[in-house]
Amino acid sequence: MGSTSPSYRGHRYPVEVISHCGWLYFRFPFSFREGEELMLQRGVIVSYETTIRRWCAKFGQAYANGLRRRRPRPGDKWHLGEVFIKVNGEVNLTWP
């Protein structure tokens, strides 16, 4: 798969539904069936056996690559917003 985005043309469901199902499957340790149940709670009726499985097979690599790019790297800086320190039994709030 190249740098071009996948084509959603000819699919029955909107791009938002397809991408949300793919994102759920690749971002969290869900099965296809659990993805179907989550979409059903949102009012979207999809079949895990054919629909979600095919979407993940067709568009999955693009979702996985996007999630992998956004993952924090070992050299990234993390800043702590507030710290609670206990000194002589008294709790102090410090800001960086």
N, C-alpha and C. Protein backbone atom coordinates (compact mmCIF):
# COMPACT_ATOMS: atom_id res chain seq x y z
N MET A 1 0.84 -1.17 0.00
CA MET A 1 0.00 0.00 0.00
C MET A 1 0.89 1.23 0.00
N GLY A 2 0.62 2.15 -0.87
CA GLY A 2 1.44 3.35 -1.01
C GLY A 2 1.03 4.44 -0.05
N SER A 3 1.41 5.66 -0.39
CA SER A 3 1.10 6.79 0.48
C SER A 3 -0.30 7.35 0.22
N THR A 4 -1.01 6.80 -0.76
CA THR A 4 -2.35 7.29 -1.04
C THR A 4 -3.32 6.75 -0.01
N SER A 5 -4.36 7.52 0.28
CA SER A 5 -5.36 7.07 1.24
C SER A 5 -6.27 6.04 0.59
N PRO A 6 -6.81 5.11 1.38
CA PRO A 6 -7.67 4.08 0.81
C PRO A 6 -8.98 4.68 0.29
N SER A 7 -9.55 4.07 -0.71
CA SER A 7 -10.78 4.56 -1.30
C SER A 7 -11.99 3.89 -0.65
N TYR A 8 -12.93 4.70 -0.20
CA TYR A 8 -14.14 4.20 0.43
C TYR A 8 -15.30 4.15 -0.56
N ARG A 9 -15.02 4.39 -1.80
CA ARG A 9 -16.06 4.43 -2.82
C ARG A 9 -16.70 3.05 -2.99
N GLY A 10 -18.02 3.04 -3.11
CA GLY A 10 -18.74 1.80 -3.32
C GLY A 10 -19.14 1.08 -2.04
N HIS A 11 -18.81 1.64 -0.89
CA HIS A 11 -19.20 1.01 0.36
C HIS A 11 -20.55 1.57 0.81
N ARG A 12 -21.31 0.72 1.46
CA ARG A 12 -22.66 1.09 1.88
C ARG A 12 -22.66 2.06 3.06
N TYR A 13 -21.69 1.94 3.93
CA TYR A 13 -21.64 2.76 5.14
C TYR A 13 -20.77 3.99 4.91
N PRO A 14 -21.02 5.07 5.66
CA PRO A 14 -20.20 6.27 5.51
C PRO A 14 -18.76 6.04 6.00
N VAL A 15 -17.90 6.90 5.58
CA VAL A 15 -16.48 6.81 5.93
C VAL A 15 -16.29 6.84 7.45
N GLU A 16 -17.08 7.64 8.16
CA GLU A 16 -16.94 7.77 9.60
C GLU A 16 -17.19 6.44 10.31
N VAL A 17 -18.18 5.69 9.85
CA VAL A 17 -18.51 4.40 10.47
C VAL A 17 -17.39 3.40 10.19
N ILE A 18 -16.93 3.34 8.96
CA ILE A 18 -15.87 2.40 8.60
C ILE A 18 -14.59 2.71 9.37
N SER A 19 -14.23 3.97 9.41
CA SER A 19 -12.98 4.33 10.09
C SER A 19 -13.09 4.13 11.60
N HIS A 20 -14.27 4.36 12.17
CA HIS A 20 -14.44 4.15 13.61
C HIS A 20 -14.33 2.66 13.96
N CYS A 21 -14.91 1.80 13.15
CA CYS A 21 -14.79 0.35 13.38
C CYS A 21 -13.34 -0.10 13.28
N GLY A 22 -12.64 0.38 12.29
CA GLY A 22 -11.23 0.03 12.14
C GLY A 22 -10.40 0.57 13.28
N TRP A 23 -10.68 1.79 13.70
CA TRP A 23 -9.94 2.39 14.81
C TRP A 23 -10.17 1.60 16.09
N LEU A 24 -11.42 1.21 16.36
CA LEU A 24 -11.72 0.42 17.55
C LEU A 24 -10.95 -0.90 17.55
N TYR A 25 -10.94 -1.56 16.40
CA TYR A 25 -10.31 -2.88 16.33
C TYR A 25 -8.80 -2.79 16.49
N PHE A 26 -8.16 -1.79 15.88
CA PHE A 26 -6.72 -1.72 15.93
C PHE A 26 -6.19 -0.96 17.13
N ARG A 27 -6.99 -0.13 17.74
CA ARG A 27 -6.52 0.65 18.90
C ARG A 27 -6.68 -0.12 20.20
N PHE A 28 -7.76 -0.87 20.36
CA PHE A 28 -8.05 -1.59 21.59
C PHE A 28 -8.05 -3.08 21.31
N PRO A 29 -7.82 -3.89 22.33
CA PRO A 29 -7.80 -5.34 22.11
C PRO A 29 -9.22 -5.92 22.01
N PHE A 30 -9.96 -5.47 21.01
CA PHE A 30 -11.33 -5.94 20.79
C PHE A 30 -11.35 -7.01 19.72
N SER A 31 -12.35 -7.86 19.80
CA SER A 31 -12.60 -8.80 18.72
C SER A 31 -13.58 -8.15 17.75
N PHE A 32 -13.79 -8.80 16.62
CA PHE A 32 -14.76 -8.27 15.65
C PHE A 32 -16.15 -8.23 16.27
N ARG A 33 -16.48 -9.24 17.07
CA ARG A 33 -17.80 -9.32 17.70
C ARG A 33 -18.00 -8.17 18.69
N GLU A 34 -16.97 -7.85 19.46
CA GLU A 34 -17.09 -6.74 20.41
C GLU A 34 -17.22 -5.41 19.68
N GLY A 35 -16.56 -5.29 18.54
CA GLY A 35 -16.72 -4.08 17.72
C GLY A 35 -18.14 -3.96 17.20
N GLU A 36 -18.73 -5.10 16.83
CA GLU A 36 -20.13 -5.10 16.37
C GLU A 36 -21.05 -4.64 17.50
N GLU A 37 -20.82 -5.12 18.72
CA GLU A 37 -21.65 -4.73 19.86
C GLU A 37 -21.51 -3.25 20.18
N LEU A 38 -20.30 -2.72 20.10
CA LEU A 38 -20.10 -1.29 20.36
C LEU A 38 -20.80 -0.43 19.32
N MET A 39 -20.75 -0.85 18.07
CA MET A 39 -21.44 -0.09 17.03
C MET A 39 -22.95 -0.20 17.18
N LEU A 40 -23.43 -1.36 17.64
CA LEU A 40 -24.86 -1.53 17.88
C LEU A 40 -25.34 -0.58 18.98
N GLN A 41 -24.53 -0.37 20.00
CA GLN A 41 -24.88 0.58 21.06
C GLN A 41 -24.98 2.00 20.52
N ARG A 42 -24.26 2.28 19.44
CA ARG A 42 -24.31 3.61 18.82
C ARG A 42 -25.40 3.69 17.75
N GLY A 43 -26.15 2.60 17.57
CA GLY A 43 -27.26 2.61 16.62
C GLY A 43 -26.89 2.21 15.21
N VAL A 44 -25.70 1.63 15.01
CA VAL A 44 -25.26 1.22 13.69
C VAL A 44 -25.26 -0.30 13.65
N ILE A 45 -26.01 -0.88 12.73
CA ILE A 45 -26.09 -2.33 12.62
C ILE A 45 -25.11 -2.80 11.56
N VAL A 46 -24.05 -3.47 12.01
CA VAL A 46 -23.05 -4.05 11.11
C VAL A 46 -22.81 -5.50 11.55
N SER A 47 -22.35 -6.30 10.63
CA SER A 47 -22.06 -7.71 10.91
C SER A 47 -20.56 -7.87 11.10
N TYR A 48 -20.18 -8.49 12.20
CA TYR A 48 -18.76 -8.71 12.44
C TYR A 48 -18.20 -9.76 11.50
N GLU A 49 -19.05 -10.69 11.08
CA GLU A 49 -18.58 -11.81 10.27
C GLU A 49 -18.08 -11.37 8.90
N THR A 50 -18.75 -10.43 8.30
CA THR A 50 -18.35 -10.02 6.96
C THR A 50 -17.90 -8.57 6.92
N THR A 51 -18.71 -7.68 7.43
CA THR A 51 -18.46 -6.25 7.24
C THR A 51 -17.21 -5.77 7.95
N ILE A 52 -17.15 -5.92 9.26
CA ILE A 52 -16.02 -5.40 10.02
C ILE A 52 -14.74 -6.13 9.64
N ARG A 53 -14.83 -7.45 9.45
CA ARG A 53 -13.66 -8.23 9.07
C ARG A 53 -13.09 -7.76 7.72
N ARG A 54 -13.96 -7.51 6.75
CA ARG A 54 -13.50 -7.03 5.44
C ARG A 54 -12.91 -5.63 5.52
N TRP A 55 -13.57 -4.75 6.31
CA TRP A 55 -13.04 -3.40 6.46
C TRP A 55 -11.64 -3.42 7.07
N CYS A 56 -11.45 -4.26 8.09
CA CYS A 56 -10.15 -4.33 8.74
C CYS A 56 -9.10 -4.92 7.81
N ALA A 57 -9.51 -5.87 6.97
CA ALA A 57 -8.56 -6.45 6.02
C ALA A 57 -8.19 -5.43 4.94
N LYS A 58 -9.17 -4.62 4.50
CA LYS A 58 -8.92 -3.68 3.41
C LYS A 58 -8.25 -2.39 3.88
N PHE A 59 -8.72 -1.84 4.99
CA PHE A 59 -8.24 -0.54 5.44
C PHE A 59 -7.34 -0.64 6.67
N GLY A 60 -7.16 -1.82 7.20
CA GLY A 60 -6.46 -1.99 8.47
C GLY A 60 -5.03 -1.51 8.49
N GLN A 61 -4.29 -1.76 7.44
CA GLN A 61 -2.88 -1.35 7.45
C GLN A 61 -2.75 0.16 7.54
N ALA A 62 -3.62 0.90 6.90
CA ALA A 62 -3.57 2.36 6.97
C ALA A 62 -3.87 2.84 8.39
N TYR A 63 -4.86 2.21 9.07
CA TYR A 63 -5.17 2.59 10.46
C TYR A 63 -4.02 2.24 11.38
N ALA A 64 -3.47 1.04 11.23
CA ALA A 64 -2.37 0.60 12.08
C ALA A 64 -1.15 1.51 11.91
N ASN A 65 -0.84 1.89 10.68
CA ASN A 65 0.29 2.79 10.45
C ASN A 65 0.06 4.15 11.09
N GLY A 66 -1.16 4.67 10.98
CA GLY A 66 -1.48 5.96 11.59
C GLY A 66 -1.37 5.93 13.10
N LEU A 67 -1.86 4.85 13.72
CA LEU A 67 -1.76 4.73 15.17
C LEU A 67 -0.31 4.56 15.61
N ARG A 68 0.46 3.83 14.85
CA ARG A 68 1.87 3.62 15.18
C ARG A 68 2.66 4.92 15.10
N ARG A 69 2.31 5.77 14.13
CA ARG A 69 3.00 7.06 14.00
C ARG A 69 2.71 7.97 15.18
N ARG A 70 1.50 7.90 15.72
CA ARG A 70 1.11 8.79 16.81
C ARG A 70 1.51 8.28 18.19
N ARG A 71 2.06 7.07 18.26
CA ARG A 71 2.45 6.48 19.54
C ARG A 71 3.63 7.25 20.12
N PRO A 72 3.66 7.44 21.44
CA PRO A 72 4.79 8.16 22.04
C PRO A 72 6.10 7.41 21.82
N ARG A 73 7.15 8.12 21.56
CA ARG A 73 8.47 7.54 21.32
C ARG A 73 9.27 7.57 22.64
N PRO A 74 10.31 6.74 22.75
CA PRO A 74 11.11 6.72 23.98
C PRO A 74 11.77 8.06 24.31
N GLY A 75 12.11 8.88 23.31
CA GLY A 75 12.78 10.15 23.55
C GLY A 75 11.83 11.31 23.80
N ASP A 76 10.51 11.07 23.72
CA ASP A 76 9.55 12.16 23.93
C ASP A 76 9.62 12.67 25.36
N LYS A 77 9.34 13.95 25.54
CA LYS A 77 9.35 14.55 26.87
C LYS A 77 7.94 14.49 27.45
N TRP A 78 7.87 14.16 28.71
CA TRP A 78 6.61 14.13 29.43
C TRP A 78 6.72 15.13 30.57
N HIS A 79 5.71 15.96 30.72
CA HIS A 79 5.72 16.97 31.76
C HIS A 79 4.61 16.67 32.76
N LEU A 80 4.94 16.80 34.01
CA LEU A 80 3.99 16.57 35.08
C LEU A 80 3.38 17.90 35.48
N GLY A 81 2.05 17.98 35.52
CA GLY A 81 1.38 19.24 35.78
C GLY A 81 1.44 19.70 37.22
N GLU A 82 1.26 18.79 38.17
CA GLU A 82 1.30 19.17 39.57
C GLU A 82 1.84 18.01 40.38
N VAL A 83 2.47 18.33 41.50
CA VAL A 83 3.10 17.33 42.34
C VAL A 83 2.69 17.57 43.78
N PHE A 84 2.34 16.49 44.46
CA PHE A 84 2.04 16.58 45.88
C PHE A 84 3.22 15.98 46.64
N ILE A 85 3.83 16.76 47.51
CA ILE A 85 5.00 16.33 48.27
C ILE A 85 4.66 16.39 49.75
N LYS A 86 5.02 15.32 50.47
CA LYS A 86 4.79 15.29 51.91
C LYS A 86 6.10 15.62 52.61
N VAL A 87 6.12 16.74 53.35
CA VAL A 87 7.30 17.18 54.07
C VAL A 87 6.91 17.32 55.53
N ASN A 88 7.60 16.57 56.40
CA ASN A 88 7.32 16.60 57.85
C ASN A 88 5.85 16.33 58.14
N GLY A 89 5.23 15.42 57.40
CA GLY A 89 3.84 15.06 57.64
C GLY A 89 2.84 16.04 57.04
N GLU A 90 3.30 17.09 56.39
CA GLU A 90 2.42 18.10 55.81
C GLU A 90 2.48 17.98 54.29
N VAL A 91 1.30 17.94 53.64
CA VAL A 91 1.23 17.80 52.20
C VAL A 91 1.32 19.17 51.53
N ASN A 92 2.25 19.32 50.60
CA ASN A 92 2.46 20.57 49.87
C ASN A 92 2.18 20.34 48.40
N LEU A 93 1.52 21.28 47.79
CA LEU A 93 1.26 21.24 46.34
C LEU A 93 2.28 22.13 45.66
N THR A 94 3.00 21.56 44.68
CA THR A 94 3.97 22.35 43.95
C THR A 94 3.62 22.33 42.47
N TRP A 95 3.87 23.43 41.81
CA TRP A 95 3.65 23.54 40.37
C TRP A 95 5.01 23.70 39.72
N PRO A 96 5.22 23.09 38.57
CA PRO A 96 6.52 23.25 37.89
C PRO A 96 6.73 24.64 37.36
